[in-house]
Amino acid sequence: MADLNHPDEAGVWTLLQERADHAMWQQDVEDAGGVSVSRFWIINPPEQLMYDTFDEAEALFEQLEND
């Protein structure tokens, strides 16, 4: 089975969706000014793709399901 864990980066991680061969994670981090920033990661081994918006990440996640 593929390793679908989130990248080893700082932040609070939430698993949003997972399938047998890919997963989507949300990473919440605080910037230097104390503002929380969310990033969305698609883990599709060996790729780890980061998106700034949920919509972009979800579109790719759904596309992977159809491939």
Protein backbone atom coordinates (compact mmCIF):
# COMPACT_ATOMS: atom_id res chain seq x y z
CA MET A 1 0.00 0.00 0.00
CA ALA A 2 1.22 3.49 -0.83
CA ASP A 3 2.48 5.88 1.87
CA LEU A 4 -0.23 8.55 1.98
CA ASN A 5 1.01 10.41 5.06
CA HIS A 6 1.37 14.17 4.97
CA PRO A 7 4.78 15.78 4.30
CA ASP A 8 7.13 16.30 7.25
CA GLU A 9 6.48 20.02 7.57
CA ALA A 10 5.36 22.15 10.50
CA GLY A 11 1.70 22.87 11.06
CA VAL A 12 -1.56 21.29 12.06
CA TRP A 13 -2.52 18.56 9.60
CA THR A 14 -6.04 17.34 8.80
CA LEU A 15 -6.80 14.43 6.49
CA LEU A 16 -9.62 15.60 4.23
CA GLN A 17 -10.02 12.64 1.86
CA GLU A 18 -8.25 9.36 1.30
CA ARG A 19 -8.43 6.65 -1.34
CA ALA A 20 -6.33 3.52 -1.83
CA ASP A 21 -3.66 5.34 -3.88
CA HIS A 22 -3.97 9.07 -3.05
CA ALA A 23 -4.95 11.42 -0.22
CA MET A 24 -5.74 15.10 0.34
CA TRP A 25 -4.44 16.89 3.44
CA GLN A 26 -4.96 20.39 4.83
CA GLN A 27 -1.96 22.08 6.46
CA ASP A 28 -2.61 25.06 8.76
CA VAL A 29 0.39 27.19 9.70
CA GLU A 30 0.82 30.59 11.33
CA ASP A 31 2.93 33.12 9.47
CA ALA A 32 5.31 35.55 11.20
CA GLY A 33 2.45 38.02 11.75
CA GLY A 34 0.31 35.46 13.53
CA VAL A 35 -2.05 34.96 10.60
CA SER A 36 -3.19 31.39 9.97
CA VAL A 37 -2.63 30.15 6.44
CA SER A 38 -4.08 26.95 4.98
CA ARG A 39 -2.48 24.91 2.23
CA PHE A 40 -3.88 21.82 0.59
CA TRP A 41 -1.74 18.84 -0.34
CA ILE A 42 -2.44 15.99 -2.72
CA ILE A 43 -0.31 12.94 -1.94
CA ASN A 44 -0.16 10.75 -5.03
CA PRO A 45 3.09 8.78 -4.60
CA PRO A 46 5.69 9.66 -5.52
CA GLU A 47 4.23 13.16 -5.98
CA GLN A 48 3.37 15.63 -3.20
CA LEU A 49 1.49 18.55 -4.76
CA MET A 50 0.65 21.72 -2.79
CA TYR A 51 -2.22 24.11 -3.61
CA ASP A 52 -3.23 27.42 -2.09
CA THR A 53 -6.95 26.84 -2.56
CA PHE A 54 -9.24 23.98 -1.64
CA ASP A 55 -11.01 24.17 -5.01
CA GLU A 56 -7.80 23.57 -6.97
CA ALA A 57 -6.79 20.66 -4.77
CA GLU A 58 -10.24 19.09 -4.85
CA ALA A 59 -10.38 19.32 -8.66
CA LEU A 60 -7.12 17.40 -8.97
CA PHE A 61 -8.20 14.88 -6.33
CA GLU A 62 -11.40 14.20 -8.31
CA GLN A 63 -9.45 13.98 -11.58
CA LEU A 64 -7.21 11.29 -10.05
CA GLU A 65 -10.33 9.28 -9.25
CA ASN A 66 -11.43 9.39 -12.88
CA ASP A 67 -8.05 8.38 -14.33
